[in-house]
């Protein structure tokens, strides 16, 4: 546990370095294309070097936020200032490193594109990316930014995205947790090792497979064949009328058997005996959206499991401390 360690945070705003931050919040979400941060600057920074701080920072300035315990700083956020509220205390709204992607514009047409080909054409050379070599078929970009293209690809082809430390990871939604960092949360620690507990708040619910009334409509986007769109469609899961239906999009081409196999693999991960909901830890371990979280419980060890983290809200303030609220996605 980290109850007796001193929190420390510092921020760089353009050319301005501040060694004290009142509070901040960072929101990460692999279902969104970008992470955001809201940073609150103390009243005593109204002026810096006899000059109003508002005269020294501007929208578009680069931002880095370093946080830790006992002076051991780790980079939690890199991005750019989007908006500055002029009240006191000063509130600064930031977008992550996708900010430059919003400033671009492309007109492109592909007869039979792969995801790698599209990303190679739209991602600036100074931003690294990692993605599977999947086919997306015919694809059109019409006066759209790289950011808008990535959002469209995520929406229509079942992709997740994560940006950490200058690298964008784009992947098929239910393969996303492969080769990712894994962190451990101990809900109830053994009696002889109480220090292992590192959960601040537990809002999880344990569900059984039979509690999930859901079916999936899976669509493989095969592109156009002889001028006509030929998508493959299958439905798997609960057949009851009151079951919720969700749509899965996959980059084709796929046969019906191949698509059914992929859809059933999704079912196996999303319909399970395990936890759903949120669980909050401290500043450490440094969980991020797209990482995996392994849950341990000495009182109910049979409920142990590893889950993809869909969202993380990182919160820091002198009054309420340093915490990470993790929303679970599916069982890995």
Protein backbone atom coordinates (compact mmCIF):
# COMPACT_ATOMS: atom_id res chain seq x y z
CA UNK A 1 0.00 0.00 0.00
CA UNK A 2 1.07 3.58 -0.65
CA UNK A 3 -0.57 5.46 2.22
CA UNK A 4 2.63 6.92 3.66
CA UNK A 5 4.40 8.00 0.47
CA UNK A 6 4.52 11.61 -0.63
CA UNK A 7 2.84 12.43 -3.95
CA UNK A 8 4.71 14.65 -6.37
CA UNK A 9 3.71 16.13 -9.73
CA UNK A 10 5.24 18.58 -12.19
CA UNK A 11 4.10 19.91 -15.54
CA UNK A 12 5.77 21.46 -18.59
CA UNK A 13 3.53 23.85 -20.56
CA UNK A 14 5.39 25.04 -23.62
CA UNK A 15 8.41 26.87 -22.18
CA UNK A 16 6.91 27.11 -18.67
CA UNK A 17 7.96 24.59 -16.01
CA UNK A 18 5.80 24.27 -12.88
CA UNK A 19 6.88 22.19 -9.90
CA UNK A 20 3.46 22.10 -8.29
CA UNK A 21 0.01 21.04 -9.54
CA UNK A 22 -3.21 21.44 -7.52
CA UNK A 23 -4.93 18.56 -9.26
CA UNK A 24 -5.34 16.81 -12.57
CA UNK A 25 -7.48 14.19 -14.29
CA UNK A 26 -6.47 12.04 -17.24
CA UNK A 27 -9.04 10.01 -19.16
CA UNK A 28 -7.91 7.07 -21.31
CA UNK A 29 -10.27 4.90 -23.36
CA UNK A 30 -9.42 2.30 -26.02
CA UNK A 31 -12.87 2.85 -27.56
CA UNK A 32 -11.95 6.48 -28.18
CA UNK A 33 -9.14 7.69 -30.40
CA UNK A 34 -7.58 10.10 -27.94
CA UNK A 35 -6.78 10.60 -24.27
CA UNK A 36 -7.46 13.90 -22.53
CA UNK A 37 -6.18 15.71 -19.46
CA UNK A 38 -7.48 18.55 -17.27
CA UNK A 39 -4.77 20.24 -15.19
CA UNK A 40 -5.46 22.73 -12.39
CA UNK A 41 -2.68 25.21 -11.56
CA UNK A 42 -2.47 26.73 -8.02
CA UNK A 43 -3.32 30.36 -7.31
CA UNK A 44 0.29 31.21 -6.47
CA UNK A 45 1.16 30.69 -10.13
CA UNK A 46 -1.03 33.62 -11.27
CA UNK A 47 2.29 35.29 -12.04
CA UNK A 48 5.58 33.66 -12.88
CA UNK A 49 8.79 35.69 -13.06
CA UNK A 50 6.72 38.88 -12.68
CA UNK A 51 4.73 38.03 -15.80
CA UNK A 52 1.17 36.72 -15.98
CA UNK A 53 1.23 33.01 -16.72
CA UNK A 54 -1.58 33.47 -19.27
CA UNK A 55 0.85 35.53 -21.36
CA UNK A 56 3.36 32.67 -21.40
CA UNK A 57 1.21 29.69 -22.43
CA UNK A 58 -0.99 29.25 -25.49
CA UNK A 59 -3.26 26.75 -27.20
CA UNK A 60 -1.12 24.33 -29.18
CA UNK A 61 1.80 24.40 -26.73
CA UNK A 62 3.21 20.97 -25.92
CA UNK A 63 2.42 19.51 -22.49
CA UNK A 64 4.15 16.86 -20.40
CA UNK A 65 2.89 15.75 -17.00
CA UNK A 66 5.21 13.78 -14.70
CA UNK A 67 3.87 12.23 -11.51
CA UNK A 68 5.07 9.88 -8.80
CA UNK A 69 5.81 9.20 -5.17
CA UNK A 70 8.70 10.59 -3.13
CA UNK A 71 10.19 12.40 -6.12
CA UNK A 72 10.30 9.33 -8.38
CA UNK A 73 8.63 10.83 -11.45
CA UNK A 74 7.01 8.89 -14.29
CA UNK A 75 5.55 10.38 -17.46
CA UNK A 76 1.74 10.10 -17.27
CA UNK A 77 0.68 12.36 -20.12
CA UNK A 78 2.13 13.91 -23.24
CA UNK A 79 0.02 16.16 -25.44
CA UNK A 80 -0.94 19.71 -26.36
CA UNK A 81 -2.99 22.53 -24.84
CA UNK A 82 -6.47 22.65 -26.37
CA UNK A 83 -8.13 25.27 -24.16
CA UNK A 84 -7.19 27.55 -21.25
CA UNK A 85 -9.77 28.77 -18.72
CA UNK A 86 -8.71 32.20 -17.51
CA UNK A 87 -10.17 31.98 -14.00
CA UNK A 88 -8.14 31.42 -10.85
CA UNK A 89 -7.15 28.70 -10.23
CA UNK A 90 -6.09 28.17 -13.80
CA UNK A 91 -7.66 25.17 -15.58
CA UNK A 92 -5.94 23.81 -18.68
CA UNK A 93 -7.60 21.29 -21.03
CA UNK A 94 -5.27 19.10 -23.08
CA UNK A 95 -5.44 16.56 -25.90
CA UNK A 96 -2.84 13.83 -26.19
CA UNK A 97 -0.38 13.24 -29.03
CA UNK A 98 -3.22 12.75 -31.49
CA UNK A 99 -3.49 16.55 -31.55
CA UNK A 100 -1.28 16.85 -34.69
CA UNK A 101 -3.42 14.19 -36.39
CA UNK A 102 -6.37 16.59 -36.17
CA UNK A 103 -4.46 19.24 -38.12
CA UNK A 104 -4.03 17.10 -41.28
CA UNK A 105 -6.26 16.60 -44.30
CA UNK A 106 -6.31 13.79 -46.86
CA UNK A 107 -8.10 12.84 -50.06
CA UNK A 108 -7.34 9.23 -50.99
CA UNK A 109 -9.01 6.28 -52.65
CA UNK A 110 -8.13 2.59 -52.31
CA UNK A 111 -9.48 -0.25 -54.40
CA UNK A 112 -8.28 -2.93 -52.00
CA UNK A 113 -6.49 -1.49 -48.95
CA UNK A 114 -4.89 -3.02 -45.89
CA UNK A 115 -4.92 -1.32 -42.50
CA UNK A 116 -1.13 -0.97 -42.58
CA UNK A 117 -1.26 0.71 -45.98
CA UNK A 118 -3.81 3.30 -44.85
CA UNK A 119 -1.93 4.09 -41.62
CA UNK A 120 1.36 4.39 -43.50
CA UNK A 121 -0.24 7.03 -45.72
CA UNK A 122 -1.82 9.16 -42.98
CA UNK A 123 0.34 8.87 -39.82
CA UNK A 124 3.18 11.44 -39.60
CA UNK A 125 6.64 9.91 -39.76
CA UNK A 126 7.53 11.03 -36.22
CA UNK A 127 4.66 9.01 -34.69
CA UNK A 128 5.17 5.26 -34.42
CA UNK A 129 2.30 2.83 -34.85
CA UNK A 130 1.61 -0.87 -34.55
CA UNK A 131 -1.28 -2.70 -36.22
CA UNK A 132 -2.23 -6.10 -37.68
CA UNK A 133 -1.97 -6.66 -41.43
CA UNK A 134 -5.71 -6.95 -42.06
CA UNK A 135 -7.52 -6.22 -45.29
CA UNK A 136 -10.23 -3.57 -45.26
CA UNK A 137 -11.02 -3.63 -48.97
CA UNK A 138 -12.29 -0.60 -50.85
CA UNK A 139 -11.82 2.55 -48.82
CA UNK A 140 -12.33 6.25 -49.46
CA UNK A 141 -10.91 9.26 -47.61
CA UNK A 142 -12.65 12.49 -48.55
CA UNK A 143 -11.21 15.67 -46.99
CA UNK A 144 -10.67 14.00 -43.63
CA UNK A 145 -7.94 14.35 -41.01
CA UNK A 146 -5.83 11.39 -39.94
CA UNK A 147 -7.69 11.55 -36.62
CA UNK A 148 -11.08 11.29 -38.35
CA UNK A 149 -9.85 8.38 -40.50
CA UNK A 150 -8.71 6.46 -37.42
CA UNK A 151 -12.05 7.08 -35.73
CA UNK A 152 -13.87 5.80 -38.82
CA UNK A 153 -11.73 2.66 -39.00
CA UNK A 154 -12.37 1.93 -35.32
CA UNK A 155 -16.12 2.41 -35.71
CA UNK A 156 -16.61 0.27 -38.80
CA UNK A 157 -13.99 -2.46 -38.45
CA UNK A 158 -14.15 -3.46 -34.78
CA UNK A 159 -10.81 -1.90 -33.84
CA UNK A 160 -9.46 -0.63 -30.52
CA UNK A 161 -6.76 2.01 -30.21
CA UNK A 162 -4.24 3.02 -27.56
CA UNK A 163 -1.59 5.77 -27.60
CA UNK A 164 1.18 5.56 -25.02
CA UNK A 165 4.66 7.07 -25.05
CA UNK A 166 4.44 8.28 -28.63
CA UNK A 167 3.22 5.01 -30.14
CA UNK A 168 -0.25 4.26 -31.47
CA UNK A 169 -1.45 0.68 -31.15
CA UNK A 170 -4.42 -0.23 -33.34
CA UNK A 171 -5.80 -3.75 -33.21
CA UNK A 172 -8.80 -5.97 -33.71
CA UNK A 173 -10.92 -5.46 -30.63
CA UNK A 174 -10.82 -8.96 -29.20
CA UNK A 175 -7.17 -9.61 -29.93
CA UNK A 176 -6.11 -6.35 -28.31
CA UNK A 177 -4.88 -7.73 -25.00
CA UNK A 178 -2.24 -9.94 -26.59
CA UNK A 179 1.35 -8.89 -25.73
CA UNK A 180 0.24 -6.11 -23.41
CA UNK A 181 1.44 -5.09 -19.95
CA UNK A 182 -0.19 -6.94 -17.05
CA UNK A 183 -0.70 -5.41 -13.58
CA UNK A 184 -1.86 -7.06 -10.37
CA UNK A 185 -4.62 -5.87 -8.01
CA UNK A 186 -5.08 -7.81 -4.77
CA UNK A 187 -8.65 -7.34 -3.53
CA UNK A 188 -8.22 -9.30 -0.27
CA UNK A 189 -4.65 -10.02 0.79
CA UNK A 190 -3.57 -13.05 2.83
CA UNK A 191 -3.66 -12.43 6.60
CA UNK A 192 0.13 -12.77 6.87
CA UNK A 193 0.72 -10.33 3.98
CA UNK A 194 -1.80 -7.48 4.42
CA UNK A 195 0.56 -5.06 2.67
CA UNK A 196 -0.22 -6.77 -0.66
CA UNK A 197 -3.68 -5.20 -0.79
CA UNK A 198 -3.54 -2.37 -3.32
CA UNK A 199 -7.22 -1.72 -4.04
CA UNK A 200 -8.66 1.60 -2.94
CA UNK A 201 -12.29 1.01 -4.00
CA UNK A 202 -14.03 -2.04 -5.42
CA UNK A 203 -17.16 -1.55 -7.57
CA UNK A 204 -16.96 -4.92 -9.34
CA UNK A 205 -19.81 -7.38 -9.77
CA UNK A 206 -19.26 -11.10 -10.28
CA UNK A 207 -21.40 -12.62 -13.02
CA UNK A 208 -21.99 -16.13 -14.30
CA UNK A 209 -22.19 -17.06 -17.98
CA UNK A 210 -25.95 -17.52 -17.71
CA UNK A 211 -26.31 -13.91 -16.52
CA UNK A 212 -25.17 -12.59 -19.92
CA UNK A 213 -28.18 -12.51 -22.23
CA UNK A 214 -26.45 -11.36 -25.38
CA UNK A 215 -26.04 -12.35 -29.00
CA UNK A 216 -23.74 -11.01 -31.67
CA UNK A 217 -24.41 -10.10 -35.27
CA UNK A 218 -21.01 -10.45 -36.92
CA UNK A 219 -20.32 -8.78 -40.26
CA UNK A 220 -17.25 -9.39 -42.41
CA UNK A 221 -16.73 -6.48 -44.79
CA UNK A 222 -15.61 -8.26 -47.95
CA UNK A 223 -15.63 -5.21 -50.22
CA UNK A 224 -17.23 -5.16 -53.64
CA UNK A 225 -17.31 -8.20 -55.89
CA UNK A 226 -18.28 -7.49 -59.51
CA UNK A 227 -19.53 -4.07 -58.47
CA UNK A 228 -21.75 -5.32 -55.64
CA UNK A 229 -21.09 -5.30 -51.91
CA UNK A 230 -20.84 -8.87 -50.64
CA UNK A 231 -20.61 -8.93 -46.86
CA UNK A 232 -20.74 -12.13 -44.84
CA UNK A 233 -23.14 -12.09 -41.88
CA UNK A 234 -23.66 -14.61 -39.03
CA UNK A 235 -25.50 -14.44 -35.70
CA UNK A 236 -24.28 -16.32 -32.61
CA UNK A 237 -25.26 -16.39 -28.95
CA UNK A 238 -28.49 -16.20 -26.96
CA UNK A 239 -31.61 -16.65 -29.11
CA UNK A 240 -34.14 -15.39 -26.55
CA UNK A 241 -36.23 -12.40 -27.59
CA UNK A 242 -35.12 -10.24 -24.66
CA UNK A 243 -31.40 -10.80 -25.30
CA UNK A 244 -29.44 -7.69 -26.28
CA UNK A 245 -27.93 -7.80 -29.77
CA UNK A 246 -24.51 -6.32 -30.45
CA UNK A 247 -22.80 -5.86 -33.78
CA UNK A 248 -19.26 -6.98 -34.54
CA UNK A 249 -17.46 -5.66 -37.61
CA UNK A 250 -14.48 -7.49 -39.09
CA UNK A 251 -12.21 -6.71 -42.00
CA UNK A 252 -12.88 -9.32 -44.70
CA UNK A 253 -12.91 -11.32 -46.76
CA UNK A 254 -14.19 -14.22 -44.65
CA UNK A 255 -16.24 -17.31 -45.32
CA UNK A 256 -19.27 -17.95 -43.13
CA UNK A 257 -17.34 -20.66 -41.23
CA UNK A 258 -14.38 -18.33 -40.63
CA UNK A 259 -16.65 -15.52 -39.45
CA UNK A 260 -18.60 -17.83 -37.14
CA UNK A 261 -15.32 -18.98 -35.58
CA UNK A 262 -14.28 -15.37 -34.92
CA UNK A 263 -17.72 -14.50 -33.52
CA UNK A 264 -17.69 -17.50 -31.19
CA UNK A 265 -14.20 -16.48 -30.01
CA UNK A 266 -15.67 -13.11 -29.07
CA UNK A 267 -18.50 -14.84 -27.21
CA UNK A 268 -16.00 -16.93 -25.26
CA UNK A 269 -14.31 -13.75 -24.00
CA UNK A 270 -17.37 -11.62 -23.33
CA UNK A 271 -19.71 -14.27 -21.89
CA UNK A 272 -17.85 -15.72 -18.91
CA UNK A 273 -17.80 -16.38 -15.19
CA UNK A 274 -16.04 -13.28 -13.91
CA UNK A 275 -16.09 -9.63 -12.99
CA UNK A 276 -17.59 -6.57 -14.66
CA UNK A 277 -17.45 -2.94 -13.55
CA UNK A 278 -14.83 -0.64 -12.04
CA UNK A 279 -11.99 -1.10 -9.58
CA UNK A 280 -9.82 1.73 -8.22
CA UNK A 281 -6.20 1.46 -7.15
CA UNK A 282 -3.53 3.95 -6.13
CA UNK A 283 -0.99 5.72 -8.33
CA UNK A 284 0.95 2.46 -8.56
CA UNK A 285 0.84 0.13 -10.37
CA UNK A 286 0.63 2.38 -13.45
CA UNK A 287 -2.38 0.88 -15.20
CA UNK A 288 -3.37 2.25 -18.61
CA UNK A 289 -6.25 1.65 -20.99
CA UNK A 290 -5.30 -1.31 -23.18
CA UNK A 291 -3.28 -3.03 -20.44
CA UNK A 292 -4.37 -6.20 -18.65
CA UNK A 293 -5.37 -6.32 -15.00
CA UNK A 294 -4.95 -9.54 -13.02
CA UNK A 295 -7.28 -9.70 -10.03
CA UNK A 296 -6.36 -11.77 -6.95
CA UNK A 297 -8.45 -12.50 -3.87
CA UNK A 298 -7.28 -14.68 -0.99
CA UNK A 299 -10.87 -15.03 0.30
CA UNK A 300 -12.25 -16.20 -3.05
CA UNK A 301 -9.24 -17.45 -5.03
CA UNK A 302 -11.47 -19.24 -7.55
CA UNK A 303 -12.57 -15.83 -8.80
CA UNK A 304 -9.07 -14.81 -9.87
CA UNK A 305 -8.73 -13.75 -13.50
CA UNK A 306 -7.14 -11.40 -16.00
CA UNK A 307 -9.10 -8.69 -17.81
CA UNK A 308 -8.53 -6.11 -20.52
CA UNK A 309 -8.73 -2.56 -19.15
CA UNK A 310 -11.09 -0.56 -21.34
CA UNK A 311 -10.92 2.79 -19.56
CA UNK A 312 -8.74 4.43 -16.92
CA UNK A 313 -9.44 7.66 -15.07
CA UNK A 314 -6.23 8.88 -13.41
CA UNK A 315 -6.95 11.38 -10.64
CA UNK A 316 -4.56 13.45 -8.51
CA UNK A 317 -5.21 16.11 -5.87
CA UNK A 318 -3.71 17.22 -2.58
CA UNK A 319 -7.01 16.49 -0.79
CA UNK A 320 -8.08 13.13 -2.22
CA UNK A 321 -4.75 11.61 -3.26
CA UNK A 322 -3.52 9.79 -6.37
CA UNK A 323 -5.70 7.04 -7.83
CA UNK A 324 -6.54 5.08 -10.97
CA UNK A 325 -10.12 3.98 -11.66
CA UNK A 326 -10.08 1.04 -14.08
CA UNK A 327 -13.10 -0.11 -16.09
CA UNK A 328 -12.89 -3.75 -17.16
CA UNK A 329 -13.75 -4.86 -20.68
CA UNK A 330 -13.55 -8.63 -21.21
CA UNK A 331 -11.78 -11.61 -19.72
CA UNK A 332 -8.40 -12.35 -21.30
